[in-house]
PDB file of N, CA and C in Angstrom:
ATOM      1  N   MET A   1      22.591 -13.824   5.622  1.00  0.00           N
ATOM      2  CA  MET A   1      23.582 -13.150   4.794  1.00  0.00           C
ATOM      3  C   MET A   1      23.199 -11.689   4.647  1.00  0.00           C
ATOM      4  N   ASP A   2      21.911 -11.345   4.380  1.00  0.00           N
ATOM      5  CA  ASP A   2      21.453  -9.998   4.228  1.00  0.00           C
ATOM      6  C   ASP A   2      21.614  -9.121   5.461  1.00  0.00           C
ATOM      7  N   VAL A   3      21.348  -9.801   6.590  1.00  0.00           N
ATOM      8  CA  VAL A   3      21.458  -9.067   7.880  1.00  0.00           C
ATOM      9  C   VAL A   3      22.926  -8.738   8.170  1.00  0.00           C
ATOM     10  N   GLU A   4      23.787  -9.695   7.862  1.00  0.00           N
ATOM     11  CA  GLU A   4      25.211  -9.415   8.031  1.00  0.00           C
ATOM     12  C   GLU A   4      25.688  -8.307   7.186  1.00  0.00           C
ATOM     13  N   LEU A   5      25.205  -8.285   5.973  1.00  0.00           N
ATOM     14  CA  LEU A   5      25.581  -7.200   5.052  1.00  0.00           C
ATOM     15  C   LEU A   5      25.161  -5.864   5.593  1.00  0.00           C
ATOM     16  N   LEU A   6      23.903  -5.755   6.088  1.00  0.00           N
ATOM     17  CA  LEU A   6      23.422  -4.574   6.733  1.00  0.00           C
ATOM     18  C   LEU A   6      24.198  -4.187   7.875  1.00  0.00           C
ATOM     19  N   ALA A   7      24.615  -5.086   8.716  1.00  0.00           N
ATOM     20  CA  ALA A   7      25.367  -4.808   9.934  1.00  0.00           C
ATOM     21  C   ALA A   7      26.705  -4.324   9.575  1.00  0.00           C
ATOM     22  N   GLU A   8      27.318  -4.783   8.495  1.00  0.00           N
ATOM     23  CA  GLU A   8      28.620  -4.354   8.069  1.00  0.00           C
ATOM     24  C   GLU A   8      28.583  -2.890   7.462  1.00  0.00           C
ATOM     25  N   ASN A   9      27.564  -2.669   6.779  1.00  0.00           N
ATOM     26  CA  ASN A   9      27.356  -1.354   6.050  1.00  0.00           C
ATOM     27  C   ASN A   9      26.277  -0.504   6.692  1.00  0.00           C
ATOM     28  N   ALA A  10      26.238  -0.447   8.059  1.00  0.00           N
ATOM     29  CA  ALA A  10      25.184   0.338   8.632  1.00  0.00           C
ATOM     30  C   ALA A  10      25.203   1.820   8.235  1.00  0.00           C
ATOM     31  N   HIS A  11      26.370   2.334   8.027  1.00  0.00           N
ATOM     32  CA  HIS A  11      26.433   3.742   7.668  1.00  0.00           C
ATOM     33  C   HIS A  11      25.689   3.999   6.415  1.00  0.00           C
ATOM     34  N   TRP A  12      25.713   3.098   5.373  1.00  0.00           N
ATOM     35  CA  TRP A  12      24.917   3.349   4.203  1.00  0.00           C
ATOM     36  C   TRP A  12      23.447   3.321   4.448  1.00  0.00           C
ATOM     37  N   VAL A  13      23.022   2.493   5.374  1.00  0.00           N
ATOM     38  CA  VAL A  13      21.590   2.483   5.783  1.00  0.00           C
ATOM     39  C   VAL A  13      21.146   3.803   6.298  1.00  0.00           C
ATOM     40  N   TRP A  14      22.017   4.368   7.200  1.00  0.00           N
ATOM     41  CA  TRP A  14      21.593   5.635   7.839  1.00  0.00           C
ATOM     42  C   TRP A  14      21.713   6.802   6.797  1.00  0.00           C
ATOM     43  N   LEU A  15      22.785   6.769   6.026  1.00  0.00           N
ATOM     44  CA  LEU A  15      22.898   7.808   4.973  1.00  0.00           C
ATOM     45  C   LEU A  15      21.689   7.799   3.946  1.00  0.00           C
ATOM     46  N   SER A  16      21.300   6.572   3.632  1.00  0.00           N
ATOM     47  CA  SER A  16      20.173   6.415   2.714  1.00  0.00           C
ATOM     48  C   SER A  16      18.904   6.872   3.318  1.00  0.00           C
ATOM     49  N   LEU A  17      18.704   6.505   4.602  1.00  0.00           N
ATOM     50  CA  LEU A  17      17.501   6.905   5.341  1.00  0.00           C
ATOM     51  C   LEU A  17      17.489   8.437   5.478  1.00  0.00           C
ATOM     52  N   GLY A  18      18.634   9.019   5.759  1.00  0.00           N
ATOM     53  CA  GLY A  18      18.676  10.518   5.832  1.00  0.00           C
ATOM     54  C   GLY A  18      18.379  11.147   4.561  1.00  0.00           C
ATOM     55  N   GLY A  19      18.860  10.616   3.378  1.00  0.00           N
ATOM     56  CA  GLY A  19      18.583  11.180   2.130  1.00  0.00           C
ATOM     57  C   GLY A  19      17.054  10.992   1.798  1.00  0.00           C
ATOM     58  N   LEU A  20      16.523   9.891   2.130  1.00  0.00           N
ATOM     59  CA  LEU A  20      15.010   9.750   1.920  1.00  0.00           C
ATOM     60  C   LEU A  20      14.254  10.647   2.713  1.00  0.00           C
ATOM     61  N   LEU A  21      14.631  10.870   3.998  1.00  0.00           N
ATOM     62  CA  LEU A  21      13.801  11.764   4.842  1.00  0.00           C
ATOM     63  C   LEU A  21      13.998  13.254   4.414  1.00  0.00           C
ATOM     64  N   LEU A  22      15.197  13.573   3.917  1.00  0.00           N
ATOM     65  CA  LEU A  22      15.321  14.930   3.415  1.00  0.00           C
ATOM     66  C   LEU A  22      14.619  15.161   2.146  1.00  0.00           C
ATOM     67  N   ALA A  23      14.548  14.145   1.292  1.00  0.00           N
ATOM     68  CA  ALA A  23      13.757  14.246   0.017  1.00  0.00           C
ATOM     69  C   ALA A  23      12.316  14.317   0.363  1.00  0.00           C
ATOM     70  N   ALA A  24      11.831  13.588   1.331  1.00  0.00           N
ATOM     71  CA  ALA A  24      10.429  13.595   1.709  1.00  0.00           C
ATOM     72  C   ALA A  24      10.058  14.926   2.328  1.00  0.00           C
ATOM     73  N   GLU A  25      11.030  15.611   2.952  1.00  0.00           N
ATOM     74  CA  GLU A  25      10.698  16.888   3.539  1.00  0.00           C
ATOM     75  C   GLU A  25      10.430  17.881   2.459  1.00  0.00           C
ATOM     76  N   MET A  26      11.049  17.809   1.291  1.00  0.00           N
ATOM     77  CA  MET A  26      10.802  18.721   0.204  1.00  0.00           C
ATOM     78  C   MET A  26       9.323  18.636  -0.292  1.00  0.00           C
ATOM     79  N   LEU A  27       8.616  17.539  -0.033  1.00  0.00           N
ATOM     80  CA  LEU A  27       7.211  17.352  -0.436  1.00  0.00           C
ATOM     81  C   LEU A  27       6.276  17.998   0.635  1.00  0.00           C
ATOM     82  N   GLY A  28       6.725  18.164   1.841  1.00  0.00           N
ATOM     83  CA  GLY A  28       5.867  18.697   2.876  1.00  0.00           C
ATOM     84  C   GLY A  28       6.532  19.939   3.489  1.00  0.00           C
ATOM     85  N   ALA A  29       5.857  20.578   4.392  1.00  0.00           N
ATOM     86  CA  ALA A  29       6.434  21.761   5.005  1.00  0.00           C
ATOM     87  C   ALA A  29       6.396  21.670   6.555  1.00  0.00           C
ATOM     88  N   SER A  30       6.347  20.486   7.128  1.00  0.00           N
ATOM     89  CA  SER A  30       6.271  20.418   8.537  1.00  0.00           C
ATOM     90  C   SER A  30       7.561  20.653   9.250  1.00  0.00           C
ATOM     91  N   GLY A  31       8.686  20.340   8.629  1.00  0.00           N
ATOM     92  CA  GLY A  31       9.985  20.584   9.224  1.00  0.00           C
ATOM     93  C   GLY A  31      10.539  19.376  10.050  1.00  0.00           C
ATOM     94  N   TYR A  32       9.635  18.557  10.490  1.00  0.00           N
ATOM     95  CA  TYR A  32      10.114  17.462  11.375  1.00  0.00           C
ATOM     96  C   TYR A  32      11.002  16.482  10.559  1.00  0.00           C
ATOM     97  N   LEU A  33      10.694  16.173   9.366  1.00  0.00           N
ATOM     98  CA  LEU A  33      11.453  15.207   8.554  1.00  0.00           C
ATOM     99  C   LEU A  33      12.878  15.767   8.318  1.00  0.00           C
ATOM    100  N   LEU A  34      12.985  17.130   8.279  1.00  0.00           N
ATOM    101  CA  LEU A  34      14.293  17.763   8.015  1.00  0.00           C
ATOM    102  C   LEU A  34      15.235  17.390   9.150  1.00  0.00           C
ATOM    103  N   TRP A  35      14.762  17.537  10.411  1.00  0.00           N
ATOM    104  CA  TRP A  35      15.613  17.289  11.556  1.00  0.00           C
ATOM    105  C   TRP A  35      15.879  15.745  11.779  1.00  0.00           C
ATOM    106  N   SER A  36      14.916  14.978  11.367  1.00  0.00           N
ATOM    107  CA  SER A  36      15.164  13.501  11.460  1.00  0.00           C
ATOM    108  C   SER A  36      16.141  13.114  10.337  1.00  0.00           C
ATOM    109  N   GLY A  37      16.022  13.708   9.139  1.00  0.00           N
ATOM    110  CA  GLY A  37      17.027  13.467   8.111  1.00  0.00           C
ATOM    111  C   GLY A  37      18.418  13.837   8.432  1.00  0.00           C
ATOM    112  N   VAL A  38      18.521  15.037   9.023  1.00  0.00           N
ATOM    113  CA  VAL A  38      19.843  15.534   9.441  1.00  0.00           C
ATOM    114  C   VAL A  38      20.435  14.566  10.545  1.00  0.00           C
ATOM    115  N   SER A  39      19.607  14.146  11.386  1.00  0.00           N
ATOM    116  CA  SER A  39      20.061  13.163  12.454  1.00  0.00           C
ATOM    117  C   SER A  39      20.485  11.933  11.816  1.00  0.00           C
ATOM    118  N   ALA A  40      19.821  11.408  10.925  1.00  0.00           N
ATOM    119  CA  ALA A  40      20.179  10.125  10.247  1.00  0.00           C
ATOM    120  C   ALA A  40      21.492  10.277   9.488  1.00  0.00           C
ATOM    121  N   VAL A  41      21.709  11.405   8.872  1.00  0.00           N
ATOM    122  CA  VAL A  41      22.911  11.648   8.106  1.00  0.00           C
ATOM    123  C   VAL A  41      24.150  11.739   9.161  1.00  0.00           C
ATOM    124  N   ILE A  42      23.878  12.402  10.250  1.00  0.00           N
ATOM    125  CA  ILE A  42      24.971  12.452  11.333  1.00  0.00           C
ATOM    126  C   ILE A  42      25.224  11.046  11.895  1.00  0.00           C
ATOM    127  N   ILE A  43      24.232  10.292  12.128  1.00  0.00           N
ATOM    128  CA  ILE A  43      24.449   8.914  12.581  1.00  0.00           C
ATOM    129  C   ILE A  43      25.162   8.129  11.631  1.00  0.00           C
ATOM    130  N   GLY A  44      24.808   8.295  10.278  1.00  0.00           N
ATOM    131  CA  GLY A  44      25.488   7.538   9.212  1.00  0.00           C
ATOM    132  C   GLY A  44      27.009   7.892   9.166  1.00  0.00           C
ATOM    133  N   LEU A  45      27.354   9.196   9.290  1.00  0.00           N
ATOM    134  CA  LEU A  45      28.763   9.600   9.321  1.00  0.00           C
ATOM    135  C   LEU A  45      29.454   9.055  10.599  1.00  0.00           C
ATOM    136  N   LEU A  46      28.739   9.069  11.692  1.00  0.00           N
ATOM    137  CA  LEU A  46      29.309   8.575  12.972  1.00  0.00           C
ATOM    138  C   LEU A  46      29.565   7.140  12.898  1.00  0.00           C
ATOM    139  N   THR A  47      28.657   6.336  12.326  1.00  0.00           N
ATOM    140  CA  THR A  47      28.878   4.850  12.250  1.00  0.00           C
ATOM    141  C   THR A  47      29.933   4.535  11.231  1.00  0.00           C
ATOM    142  N   TRP A  48      30.174   5.439  10.223  1.00  0.00           N
ATOM    143  CA  TRP A  48      31.224   5.259   9.246  1.00  0.00           C
ATOM    144  C   TRP A  48      32.557   5.297   9.980  1.00  0.00           C
ATOM    145  N   VAL A  49      32.665   6.219  10.951  1.00  0.00           N
ATOM    146  CA  VAL A  49      33.969   6.363  11.701  1.00  0.00           C
ATOM    147  C   VAL A  49      34.072   5.287  12.853  1.00  0.00           C
ATOM    148  N   LEU A  50      32.964   5.242  13.584  1.00  0.00           N
ATOM    149  CA  LEU A  50      32.931   4.414  14.764  1.00  0.00           C
ATOM    150  C   LEU A  50      31.889   3.311  14.621  1.00  0.00           C
ATOM    151  N   PRO A  51      32.288   2.073  14.502  1.00  0.00           N
ATOM    152  CA  PRO A  51      31.298   0.938  14.370  1.00  0.00           C
ATOM    153  C   PRO A  51      30.529   0.800  15.780  1.00  0.00           C
ATOM    154  N   LEU A  52      29.255   1.152  15.691  1.00  0.00           N
ATOM    155  CA  LEU A  52      28.479   1.033  16.920  1.00  0.00           C
ATOM    156  C   LEU A  52      27.384  -0.038  16.676  1.00  0.00           C
ATOM    157  N   PRO A  53      26.949  -0.658  17.786  1.00  0.00           N
ATOM    158  CA  PRO A  53      25.844  -1.646  17.655  1.00  0.00           C
ATOM    159  C   PRO A  53      24.544  -0.927  17.270  1.00  0.00           C
ATOM    160  N   TRP A  54      23.651  -1.757  16.708  1.00  0.00           N
ATOM    161  CA  TRP A  54      22.334  -1.128  16.213  1.00  0.00           C
ATOM    162  C   TRP A  54      21.538  -0.464  17.340  1.00  0.00           C
ATOM    163  N   ALA A  55      21.616  -1.027  18.543  1.00  0.00           N
ATOM    164  CA  ALA A  55      20.878  -0.429  19.699  1.00  0.00           C
ATOM    165  C   ALA A  55      21.368   0.917  19.905  1.00  0.00           C
ATOM    166  N   TRP A  56      22.663   1.153  19.956  1.00  0.00           N
ATOM    167  CA  TRP A  56      23.223   2.416  20.200  1.00  0.00           C
ATOM    168  C   TRP A  56      22.921   3.412  18.988  1.00  0.00           C
ATOM    169  N   GLN A  57      22.943   2.851  17.783  1.00  0.00           N
ATOM    170  CA  GLN A  57      22.603   3.698  16.673  1.00  0.00           C
ATOM    171  C   GLN A  57      21.217   4.241  16.765  1.00  0.00           C
ATOM    172  N   GLY A  58      20.308   3.338  17.036  1.00  0.00           N
ATOM    173  CA  GLY A  58      18.851   3.732  17.164  1.00  0.00           C
ATOM    174  C   GLY A  58      18.619   4.718  18.345  1.00  0.00           C
ATOM    175  N   THR A  59      19.286   4.504  19.434  1.00  0.00           N
ATOM    176  CA  THR A  59      19.163   5.338  20.563  1.00  0.00           C
ATOM    177  C   THR A  59      19.724   6.733  20.276  1.00  0.00           C
ATOM    178  N   LEU A  60      20.954   6.772  19.724  1.00  0.00           N
ATOM    179  CA  LEU A  60      21.523   8.046  19.297  1.00  0.00           C
ATOM    180  C   LEU A  60      20.713   8.793  18.263  1.00  0.00           C
ATOM    181  N   PHE A  61      20.131   8.114  17.359  1.00  0.00           N
ATOM    182  CA  PHE A  61      19.241   8.770  16.376  1.00  0.00           C
ATOM    183  C   PHE A  61      18.025   9.340  17.018  1.00  0.00           C
ATOM    184  N   ALA A  62      17.336   8.666  17.956  1.00  0.00           N
ATOM    185  CA  ALA A  62      16.210   9.215  18.579  1.00  0.00           C
ATOM    186  C   ALA A  62      16.597  10.454  19.444  1.00  0.00           C
ATOM    187  N   VAL A  63      17.657  10.344  20.210  1.00  0.00           N
ATOM    188  CA  VAL A  63      18.072  11.458  21.125  1.00  0.00           C
ATOM    189  C   VAL A  63      18.509  12.592  20.331  1.00  0.00           C
ATOM    190  N   LEU A  64      19.280  12.344  19.225  1.00  0.00           N
ATOM    191  CA  LEU A  64      19.727  13.437  18.420  1.00  0.00           C
ATOM    192  C   LEU A  64      18.614  14.193  17.650  1.00  0.00           C
ATOM    193  N   THR A  65      17.632  13.437  17.259  1.00  0.00           N
ATOM    194  CA  THR A  65      16.427  13.999  16.551  1.00  0.00           C
ATOM    195  C   THR A  65      15.730  14.953  17.521  1.00  0.00           C
ATOM    196  N   ILE A  66      15.498  14.524  18.753  1.00  0.00           N
ATOM    197  CA  ILE A  66      14.864  15.351  19.738  1.00  0.00           C
ATOM    198  C   ILE A  66      15.669  16.543  20.090  1.00  0.00           C
ATOM    199  N   ILE A  67      16.947  16.390  20.304  1.00  0.00           N
ATOM    200  CA  ILE A  67      17.788  17.543  20.636  1.00  0.00           C
ATOM    201  C   ILE A  67      17.730  18.606  19.533  1.00  0.00           C
ATOM    202  N   ILE A  68      17.984  18.162  18.308  1.00  0.00           N
ATOM    203  CA  ILE A  68      18.060  19.099  17.191  1.00  0.00           C
ATOM    204  C   ILE A  68      16.698  19.759  16.972  1.00  0.00           C
ATOM    205  N   ALA A  69      15.611  19.042  17.091  1.00  0.00           N
ATOM    206  CA  ALA A  69      14.299  19.641  16.950  1.00  0.00           C
ATOM    207  C   ALA A  69      14.001  20.603  18.047  1.00  0.00           C
ATOM    208  N   LEU A  70      14.399  20.412  19.308  1.00  0.00           N
ATOM    209  CA  LEU A  70      14.173  21.375  20.373  1.00  0.00           C
ATOM    210  C   LEU A  70      15.068  22.544  20.184  1.00  0.00           C
ATOM    211  N   LEU A  71      16.298  22.385  19.842  1.00  0.00           N
ATOM    212  CA  LEU A  71      17.174  23.500  19.576  1.00  0.00           C
ATOM    213  C   LEU A  71      16.588  24.425  18.493  1.00  0.00           C
ATOM    214  N   TRP A  72      16.105  23.777  17.360  1.00  0.00           N
ATOM    215  CA  TRP A  72      15.497  24.545  16.318  1.00  0.00           C
ATOM    216  C   TRP A  72      14.218  25.348  16.819  1.00  0.00           C
ATOM    217  N   TRP A  73      13.422  24.639  17.630  1.00  0.00           N
ATOM    218  CA  TRP A  73      12.223  25.260  18.153  1.00  0.00           C
ATOM    219  C   TRP A  73      12.579  26.492  19.010  1.00  0.00           C
ATOM    220  N   TYR A  74      13.541  26.316  19.863  1.00  0.00           N
ATOM    221  CA  TYR A  74      13.962  27.530  20.731  1.00  0.00           C
ATOM    222  C   TYR A  74      14.494  28.637  19.905  1.00  0.00           C
ATOM    223  N   TRP A  75      15.329  28.384  18.882  1.00  0.00           N
ATOM    224  CA  TRP A  75      15.883  29.412  18.068  1.00  0.00           C
ATOM    225  C   TRP A  75      14.746  30.069  17.223  1.00  0.00           C
ATOM    226  N   LEU A  76      13.848  29.306  16.690  1.00  0.00           N
ATOM    227  CA  LEU A  76      12.744  29.872  15.873  1.00  0.00           C
ATOM    228  C   LEU A  76      11.863  30.702  16.813  1.00  0.00           C
ATOM    229  N   ARG A  77      11.582  30.269  17.993  1.00  0.00           N
ATOM    230  CA  ARG A  77      10.721  31.065  18.889  1.00  0.00           C
ATOM    231  C   ARG A  77      11.315  32.380  19.261  1.00  0.00           C
ATOM    232  N   SER A  78      12.631  32.410  19.544  1.00  0.00           N
ATOM    233  CA  SER A  78      13.272  33.650  19.890  1.00  0.00           C
ATOM    234  C   SER A  78      13.371  34.545  18.701  1.00  0.00           C
ATOM    235  N   ARG A  79      13.614  33.954  17.466  1.00  0.00           N
ATOM    236  CA  ARG A  79      13.702  34.765  16.284  1.00  0.00           C
ATOM    237  C   ARG A  79      12.324  35.407  15.979  1.00  0.00           C
ATOM    238  N   SER A  80      11.302  34.596  16.104  1.00  0.00           N
ATOM    239  CA  SER A  80       9.919  35.113  15.738  1.00  0.00           C
ATOM    240  C   SER A  80       9.490  36.281  16.715  1.00  0.00           C
ATOM    241  N   ARG A  81       9.986  36.189  17.922  1.00  0.00           N
ATOM    242  CA  ARG A  81       9.643  37.312  18.836  1.00  0.00           C
ATOM    243  C   ARG A  81      10.339  38.641  18.425  1.00  0.00           C
ATOM    244  N   ARG A  82      11.623  38.458  17.971  1.00  0.00           N
ATOM    245  CA  ARG A  82      12.316  39.684  17.541  1.00  0.00           C
ATOM    246  C   ARG A  82      11.748  40.207  16.302  1.00  0.00           C
ATOM    247  N   ILE A  83      11.270  39.400  15.402  1.00  0.00           N
ATOM    248  CA  ILE A  83      10.677  39.844  14.147  1.00  0.00           C
ATOM    249  C   ILE A  83       9.349  40.530  14.450  1.00  0.00           C
ATOM    250  N   ALA A  84       8.580  39.938  15.346  1.00  0.00           N
ATOM    251  CA  ALA A  84       7.219  40.460  15.634  1.00  0.00           C
ATOM    252  C   ALA A  84       7.415  41.857  16.186  1.00  0.00           C
ATOM    253  N   ASP A  85       8.494  42.071  16.959  1.00  0.00           N
ATOM    254  CA  ASP A  85       8.692  43.416  17.613  1.00  0.00           C
ATOM    255  C   ASP A  85       9.191  44.461  16.490  1.00  0.00           C
ATOM    256  N   ALA A  86       9.873  43.907  15.486  1.00  0.00           N
ATOM    257  CA  ALA A  86      10.431  44.796  14.490  1.00  0.00           C
ATOM    258  C   ALA A  86       9.510  45.049  13.370  1.00  0.00           C
ATOM    259  N   THR A  87       8.344  44.367  13.257  1.00  0.00           N
ATOM    260  CA  THR A  87       7.506  44.530  12.036  1.00  0.00           C
ATOM    261  C   THR A  87       6.400  45.458  12.297  1.00  0.00           C
ATOM    262  N   LEU A  88       6.667  46.739  12.682  1.00  0.00           N
ATOM    263  CA  LEU A  88       5.673  47.772  12.928  1.00  0.00           C
ATOM    264  C   LEU A  88       5.731  48.767  11.818  1.00  0.00           C
ATOM    265  N   LEU A  89       6.321  48.448  10.659  1.00  0.00           N
ATOM    266  CA  LEU A  89       6.603  49.465   9.615  1.00  0.00           C
ATOM    267  C   LEU A  89       5.257  50.124   9.108  1.00  0.00           C
ATOM    268  N   ASN A  90       4.232  49.369   8.909  1.00  0.00           N
ATOM    269  CA  ASN A  90       3.011  49.903   8.328  1.00  0.00           C
ATOM    270  C   ASN A  90       1.862  49.893   9.388  1.00  0.00           C
ATOM    271  N   GLN A  91       2.270  49.946  10.590  1.00  0.00           N
ATOM    272  CA  GLN A  91       1.257  49.948  11.689  1.00  0.00           C
ATOM    273  C   GLN A  91       1.529  51.185  12.602  1.00  0.00           C
ATOM    274  N   ARG A  92       1.103  52.337  12.085  1.00  0.00           N
ATOM    275  CA  ARG A  92       1.432  53.567  12.794  1.00  0.00           C
ATOM    276  C   ARG A  92       0.928  53.644  14.167  1.00  0.00           C
ATOM    277  N   SER A  93      -0.261  53.095  14.440  1.00  0.00           N
ATOM    278  CA  SER A  93      -0.858  53.248  15.758  1.00  0.00           C
ATOM    279  C   SER A  93      -0.041  52.385  16.729  1.00  0.00           C
ATOM    280  N   ARG A  94       0.494  51.202  16.264  1.00  0.00           N
ATOM    281  CA  ARG A  94       1.252  50.412  17.215  1.00  0.00           C
ATOM    282  C   ARG A  94       2.677  50.956  17.373  1.00  0.00           C
ATOM    283  N   GLN A  95       3.140  51.751  16.444  1.00  0.00           N
ATOM    284  CA  GLN A  95       4.437  52.430  16.569  1.00  0.00           C
ATOM    285  C   GLN A  95       4.445  53.411  17.732  1.00  0.00           C
ATOM    286  N   LEU A  96       3.325  54.006  18.027  1.00  0.00           N
ATOM    287  CA  LEU A  96       3.203  54.992  18.976  1.00  0.00           C
ATOM    288  C   LEU A  96       3.076  54.473  20.498  1.00  0.00           C
ATOM    289  N   ILE A  97       2.803  53.187  20.623  1.00  0.00           N
ATOM    290  CA  ILE A  97       2.602  52.625  21.943  1.00  0.00           C
ATOM    291  C   ILE A  97       3.962  52.715  22.762  1.00  0.00           C
ATOM    292  N   GLY A  98       3.897  53.254  23.901  1.00  0.00           N
ATOM    293  CA  GLY A  98       4.980  53.390  24.769  1.00  0.00           C
ATOM    294  C   GLY A  98       5.782  54.684  24.607  1.00  0.00           C
ATOM    295  N   GLY A  99       5.413  55.458  23.613  1.00  0.00           N
ATOM    296  CA  GLY A  99       6.145  56.747  23.366  1.00  0.00           C
ATOM    297  C   GLY A  99       5.583  57.870  24.251  1.00  0.00           C
ATOM    298  N   SER A 100       6.236  59.021  24.177  1.00  0.00           N
ATOM    299  CA  SER A 100       5.675  60.142  24.960  1.00  0.00           C
ATOM    300  C   SER A 100       5.266  61.278  24.011  1.00  0.00           C
ATOM    301  N   ALA A 101       4.453  62.153  24.371  1.00  0.00           N
ATOM    302  CA  ALA A 101       3.972  63.248  23.566  1.00  0.00           C
ATOM    303  C   ALA A 101       3.774  64.466  24.474  1.00  0.00           C
ATOM    304  N   THR A 102       3.924  65.646  23.790  1.00  0.00           N
ATOM    305  CA  THR A 102       3.750  66.962  24.561  1.00  0.00           C
ATOM    306  C   THR A 102       2.455  67.613  23.870  1.00  0.00           C
ATOM    307  N   VAL A 103       1.512  67.996  24.730  1.00  0.00           N
ATOM    308  CA  VAL A 103       0.351  68.632  24.244  1.00  0.00           C
ATOM    309  C   VAL A 103       0.734  70.092  23.897  1.00  0.00           C
ATOM    310  N   THR A 104       0.490  70.481  22.651  1.00  0.00           N
ATOM    311  CA  THR A 104       0.821  71.852  22.126  1.00  0.00           C
ATOM    312  C   THR A 104      -0.403  72.735  21.973  1.00  0.00           C
ATOM    313  N   GLN A 105      -1.558  72.164  21.877  1.00  0.00           N
ATOM    314  CA  GLN A 105      -2.781  72.943  21.832  1.00  0.00           C
ATOM    315  C   GLN A 105      -3.814  72.250  22.729  1.00  0.00           C
ATOM    316  N   ALA A 106      -4.477  72.991  23.630  1.00  0.00           N
ATOM    317  CA  ALA A 106      -5.413  72.453  24.567  1.00  0.00           C
ATOM    318  C   ALA A 106      -6.501  71.570  23.910  1.00  0.00           C
ATOM    319  N   VAL A 107      -6.884  70.523  24.491  1.00  0.00           N
ATOM    320  CA  VAL A 107      -7.968  69.690  23.948  1.00  0.00           C
ATOM    321  C   VAL A 107      -9.272  70.272  24.334  1.00  0.00           C
ATOM    322  N   GLU A 108     -10.122  70.627  23.276  1.00  0.00           N
ATOM    323  CA  GLU A 108     -11.436  71.107  23.498  1.00  0.00           C
ATOM    324  C   GLU A 108     -12.404  70.273  22.611  1.00  0.00           C
ATOM    325  N   ASP A 109     -13.419  69.796  23.210  1.00  0.00           N
ATOM    326  CA  ASP A 109     -14.372  68.911  22.541  1.00  0.00           C
ATOM    327  C   ASP A 109     -13.703  67.659  21.890  1.00  0.00           C
ATOM    328  N   GLY A 110     -12.654  67.152  22.559  1.00  0.00           N
ATOM    329  CA  GLY A 110     -12.040  65.976  21.984  1.00  0.00           C
ATOM    330  C   GLY A 110     -11.001  66.248  20.891  1.00  0.00           C
ATOM    331  N   ILE A 111     -10.738  67.494  20.547  1.00  0.00           N
ATOM    332  CA  ILE A 111      -9.789  67.840  19.523  1.00  0.00           C
ATOM    333  C   ILE A 111      -8.709  68.713  20.084  1.00  0.00           C
ATOM    334  N   GLY A 112      -7.470  68.368  19.725  1.00  0.00           N
ATOM    335  CA  GLY A 112      -6.288  69.099  20.212  1.00  0.00           C
ATOM    336  C   GLY A 112      -5.089  68.761  19.409  1.00  0.00           C
ATOM    337  N   ARG A 113      -3.917  69.176  19.754  1.00  0.00           N
ATOM    338  CA  ARG A 113      -2.702  68.887  19.046  1.00  0.00           C
ATOM    339  C   ARG A 113      -1.666  68.432  20.036  1.00  0.00           C
ATOM    340  N   ALA A 114      -0.812  67.534  19.591  1.00  0.00           N
ATOM    341  CA  ALA A 114       0.294  67.013  20.402  1.00  0.00           C
ATOM    342  C   ALA A 114       1.509  66.822  19.531  1.00  0.00           C
ATOM    343  N   ARG A 115       2.682  66.973  20.100  1.00  0.00           N
ATOM    344  CA  ARG A 115       4.001  66.819  19.410  1.00  0.00           C
ATOM    345  C   ARG A 115       4.465  65.471  19.953  1.00  0.00           C
ATOM    346  N   ILE A 116       4.747  64.614  18.899  1.00  0.00           N
ATOM    347  CA  ILE A 116       5.220  63.299  19.296  1.00  0.00           C
ATOM    348  C   ILE A 116       6.743  63.175  19.122  1.00  0.00           C
TER     349      ILE A 116
END
């Protein structure tokens, strides 16, 4: 009787699992539970609309978790590269890399002037 009840209300199982995973993510900072929780909520909503067998639900959950985690990883990696390039505010020596300068006073004994 309990298994039949779970099979009839699979969407509540997935929505509850998603809620638990999202709540557990608030306790840690790894980010993995976030994407698993989002995947479980999506599967819960999908099974609410389309009754799918448990095997399909589990497979879709696993595949969706991997896809969402990879998409997040690619987005985060490209974003962190852009931020790393733009965070030269208080690093004057790194701001000058790749620029050009004109020597305005000849260099003697290692001391001279340049216009940047």
